[in-house]
Amino acid sequence: MKMHTLNTRVPQDLDPDLLDFLTTYVDSFIKWELLLFFHQNPNTFDTAEGIARYLGRDKEDVQDALSFLKAHGLLDEVVVGNMLAYVLKPNAELQDKVQKFTEATNDREFRRKAVYHLIRK
């Protein structure tokens, strides 16, 4: 019974813009981690393999998440030689949303609610 109350309250407690961002772009922990990575390193571009190595993640999982973020307009692909690299898309509106999300992740209560939201999915 208490869980049901929490289920209905958590989405209402989140800022509507942040909830929209979570449901649109951050449906997994790896996408969360990638967005933080690119936000903290906005001029970095790297391959899925390089990013996976840096994050300590499986290359295929990283590739899938990068492809999703690219398809949703957050990342650009750059061809370097015979490799495909990813970089944060230079879009002020999307970068503001990523900024707001990363700032919110500094708040323990937001992280708790966001994690709960991800686990519920």
C-alpha atoms as a PDB file:
ATOM      1  CA  MET A   1       0.000   0.000   0.000  1.00  0.00           C
ATOM      2  CA  LYS A   2       2.765   2.427   0.864  1.00  0.00           C
ATOM      3  CA  MET A   3       4.533   1.578  -2.425  1.00  0.00           C
ATOM      4  CA  HIS A   4       1.431   2.592  -4.381  1.00  0.00           C
ATOM      5  CA  THR A   5       1.455   5.998  -2.698  1.00  0.00           C
ATOM      6  CA  LEU A   6       5.125   6.443  -3.589  1.00  0.00           C
ATOM      7  CA  ASN A   7       4.419   5.345  -7.187  1.00  0.00           C
ATOM      8  CA  THR A   8       1.899   8.109  -7.712  1.00  0.00           C
ATOM      9  CA  ARG A   9       3.806  10.754  -5.783  1.00  0.00           C
ATOM     10  CA  VAL A  10       7.306  10.478  -7.297  1.00  0.00           C
ATOM     11  CA  PRO A  11       6.445  11.757 -10.805  1.00  0.00           C
ATOM     12  CA  GLN A  12       4.383  14.593  -9.308  1.00  0.00           C
ATOM     13  CA  ASP A  13       7.292  15.601  -7.062  1.00  0.00           C
ATOM     14  CA  LEU A  14       9.696  16.003  -9.999  1.00  0.00           C
ATOM     15  CA  ASP A  15      10.011  19.237 -11.931  1.00  0.00           C
ATOM     16  CA  PRO A  16       7.916  18.697 -15.105  1.00  0.00           C
ATOM     17  CA  ASP A  17      10.827  19.665 -17.386  1.00  0.00           C
ATOM     18  CA  LEU A  18      13.155  17.220 -15.621  1.00  0.00           C
ATOM     19  CA  LEU A  19      10.546  14.469 -15.704  1.00  0.00           C
ATOM     20  CA  ASP A  20      10.085  15.079 -19.443  1.00  0.00           C
ATOM     21  CA  PHE A  21      13.865  14.936 -19.930  1.00  0.00           C
ATOM     22  CA  LEU A  22      14.066  11.685 -17.957  1.00  0.00           C
ATOM     23  CA  THR A  23      11.268  10.019 -19.875  1.00  0.00           C
ATOM     24  CA  THR A  24      12.542  11.214 -23.262  1.00  0.00           C
ATOM     25  CA  TYR A  25      16.319  10.769 -22.987  1.00  0.00           C
ATOM     26  CA  VAL A  26      17.295   8.979 -19.790  1.00  0.00           C
ATOM     27  CA  ASP A  27      15.563   5.621 -19.740  1.00  0.00           C
ATOM     28  CA  SER A  28      18.671   3.786 -18.541  1.00  0.00           C
ATOM     29  CA  PHE A  29      21.589   4.323 -16.207  1.00  0.00           C
ATOM     30  CA  ILE A  30      24.056   4.136 -19.079  1.00  0.00           C
ATOM     31  CA  LYS A  31      22.332   7.032 -20.884  1.00  0.00           C
ATOM     32  CA  TRP A  32      22.423   8.974 -17.621  1.00  0.00           C
ATOM     33  CA  GLU A  33      26.143   8.284 -17.346  1.00  0.00           C
ATOM     34  CA  LEU A  34      26.768   9.231 -20.976  1.00  0.00           C
ATOM     35  CA  LEU A  35      24.940  12.533 -20.642  1.00  0.00           C
ATOM     36  CA  LEU A  36      26.975  13.400 -17.569  1.00  0.00           C
ATOM     37  CA  PHE A  37      30.165  12.395 -19.409  1.00  0.00           C
ATOM     38  CA  PHE A  38      29.435  14.607 -22.418  1.00  0.00           C
ATOM     39  CA  HIS A  39      28.255  17.480 -20.256  1.00  0.00           C
ATOM     40  CA  GLN A  40      31.444  17.380 -18.191  1.00  0.00           C
ATOM     41  CA  ASN A  41      33.535  17.017 -21.363  1.00  0.00           C
ATOM     42  CA  PRO A  42      31.649  19.159 -23.918  1.00  0.00           C
ATOM     43  CA  ASN A  43      34.502  19.398 -26.425  1.00  0.00           C
ATOM     44  CA  THR A  44      35.385  15.729 -26.291  1.00  0.00           C
ATOM     45  CA  PHE A  45      34.627  13.363 -29.104  1.00  0.00           C
ATOM     46  CA  ASP A  46      35.402   9.693 -28.931  1.00  0.00           C
ATOM     47  CA  THR A  47      34.406   6.314 -30.293  1.00  0.00           C
ATOM     48  CA  ALA A  48      31.966   3.981 -28.578  1.00  0.00           C
ATOM     49  CA  GLU A  49      34.917   1.749 -27.707  1.00  0.00           C
ATOM     50  CA  GLY A  50      36.900   4.612 -26.155  1.00  0.00           C
ATOM     51  CA  ILE A  51      33.927   5.856 -24.158  1.00  0.00           C
ATOM     52  CA  ALA A  52      33.088   2.327 -23.011  1.00  0.00           C
ATOM     53  CA  ARG A  53      36.663   1.847 -21.829  1.00  0.00           C
ATOM     54  CA  TYR A  54      36.620   5.188 -19.993  1.00  0.00           C
ATOM     55  CA  LEU A  55      33.280   4.412 -18.302  1.00  0.00           C
ATOM     56  CA  GLY A  56      34.068   0.756 -17.644  1.00  0.00           C
ATOM     57  CA  ARG A  57      31.034  -0.334 -19.647  1.00  0.00           C
ATOM     58  CA  ASP A  58      30.333  -2.919 -22.328  1.00  0.00           C
ATOM     59  CA  LYS A  59      31.041  -1.525 -25.817  1.00  0.00           C
ATOM     60  CA  GLU A  60      27.784  -2.801 -27.344  1.00  0.00           C
ATOM     61  CA  ASP A  61      25.708  -1.284 -24.519  1.00  0.00           C
ATOM     62  CA  VAL A  62      27.503   2.041 -24.960  1.00  0.00           C
ATOM     63  CA  GLN A  63      27.041   1.880 -28.744  1.00  0.00           C
ATOM     64  CA  ASP A  64      23.305   1.266 -28.365  1.00  0.00           C
ATOM     65  CA  ALA A  65      22.938   4.182 -25.929  1.00  0.00           C
ATOM     66  CA  LEU A  66      25.047   6.494 -28.125  1.00  0.00           C
ATOM     67  CA  SER A  67      22.927   5.613 -31.144  1.00  0.00           C
ATOM     68  CA  PHE A  68      19.766   6.373 -29.168  1.00  0.00           C
ATOM     69  CA  LEU A  69      21.107   9.746 -27.966  1.00  0.00           C
ATOM     70  CA  LYS A  70      22.209  10.578 -31.509  1.00  0.00           C
ATOM     71  CA  ALA A  71      18.796   9.630 -32.923  1.00  0.00           C
ATOM     72  CA  HIS A  72      17.156  11.867 -30.309  1.00  0.00           C
ATOM     73  CA  GLY A  73      19.299  14.852 -31.268  1.00  0.00           C
ATOM     74  CA  LEU A  74      21.658  15.083 -28.290  1.00  0.00           C
ATOM     75  CA  LEU A  75      24.805  13.825 -30.005  1.00  0.00           C
ATOM     76  CA  ASP A  76      26.454  14.185 -33.384  1.00  0.00           C
ATOM     77  CA  GLU A  77      28.524  11.546 -35.168  1.00  0.00           C
ATOM     78  CA  VAL A  78      31.903  12.539 -36.562  1.00  0.00           C
ATOM     79  CA  VAL A  79      33.892  10.346 -38.951  1.00  0.00           C
ATOM     80  CA  VAL A  80      37.582  10.317 -38.036  1.00  0.00           C
ATOM     81  CA  GLY A  81      39.562   8.215 -40.495  1.00  0.00           C
ATOM     82  CA  ASN A  82      37.735   4.915 -40.523  1.00  0.00           C
ATOM     83  CA  MET A  83      36.196   5.406 -37.058  1.00  0.00           C
ATOM     84  CA  LEU A  84      32.889   6.859 -35.943  1.00  0.00           C
ATOM     85  CA  ALA A  85      33.123   9.228 -32.971  1.00  0.00           C
ATOM     86  CA  TYR A  86      30.456  10.984 -30.926  1.00  0.00           C
ATOM     87  CA  VAL A  87      30.283  14.562 -29.664  1.00  0.00           C
ATOM     88  CA  LEU A  88      27.683  16.625 -27.818  1.00  0.00           C
ATOM     89  CA  LYS A  89      25.483  18.354 -30.399  1.00  0.00           C
ATOM     90  CA  PRO A  90      25.948  22.132 -30.449  1.00  0.00           C
ATOM     91  CA  ASN A  91      22.297  22.915 -29.752  1.00  0.00           C
ATOM     92  CA  ALA A  92      21.784  25.572 -27.060  1.00  0.00           C
ATOM     93  CA  GLU A  93      18.267  24.430 -26.139  1.00  0.00           C
ATOM     94  CA  LEU A  94      19.295  20.792 -25.685  1.00  0.00           C
ATOM     95  CA  GLN A  95      22.502  21.770 -23.885  1.00  0.00           C
ATOM     96  CA  ASP A  96      20.395  23.835 -21.455  1.00  0.00           C
ATOM     97  CA  LYS A  97      18.256  20.764 -20.767  1.00  0.00           C
ATOM     98  CA  VAL A  98      21.346  18.629 -20.198  1.00  0.00           C
ATOM     99  CA  GLN A  99      22.739  21.366 -17.929  1.00  0.00           C
ATOM    100  CA  LYS A 100      19.541  21.457 -15.884  1.00  0.00           C
ATOM    101  CA  PHE A 101      19.542  17.670 -15.606  1.00  0.00           C
ATOM    102  CA  THR A 102      23.194  17.467 -14.523  1.00  0.00           C
ATOM    103  CA  GLU A 103      22.698  20.224 -11.958  1.00  0.00           C
ATOM    104  CA  ALA A 104      19.676  18.376 -10.609  1.00  0.00           C
ATOM    105  CA  THR A 105      21.754  15.195 -10.234  1.00  0.00           C
ATOM    106  CA  ASN A 106      23.773  17.014  -7.562  1.00  0.00           C
ATOM    107  CA  ASP A 107      20.665  16.933  -5.375  1.00  0.00           C
ATOM    108  CA  ARG A 108      20.348  13.666  -3.451  1.00  0.00           C
ATOM    109  CA  GLU A 109      16.550  13.816  -3.389  1.00  0.00           C
ATOM    110  CA  PHE A 110      16.363  14.296  -7.152  1.00  0.00           C
ATOM    111  CA  ARG A 111      18.738  11.352  -7.702  1.00  0.00           C
ATOM    112  CA  ARG A 112      16.598   9.160  -5.448  1.00  0.00           C
ATOM    113  CA  LYS A 113      13.460  10.028  -7.403  1.00  0.00           C
ATOM    114  CA  ALA A 114      15.187   9.689 -10.780  1.00  0.00           C
ATOM    115  CA  VAL A 115      16.613   6.287  -9.852  1.00  0.00           C
ATOM    116  CA  TYR A 116      13.201   5.167  -8.645  1.00  0.00           C
ATOM    117  CA  HIS A 117      11.732   6.367 -11.952  1.00  0.00           C
ATOM    118  CA  LEU A 118      14.325   4.369 -13.943  1.00  0.00           C
ATOM    119  CA  ILE A 119      13.848   1.234 -11.893  1.00  0.00           C
ATOM    120  CA  ARG A 120      10.072   1.442 -12.317  1.00  0.00           C
ATOM    121  CA  LYS A 121      10.543   1.294 -16.089  1.00  0.00           C
END
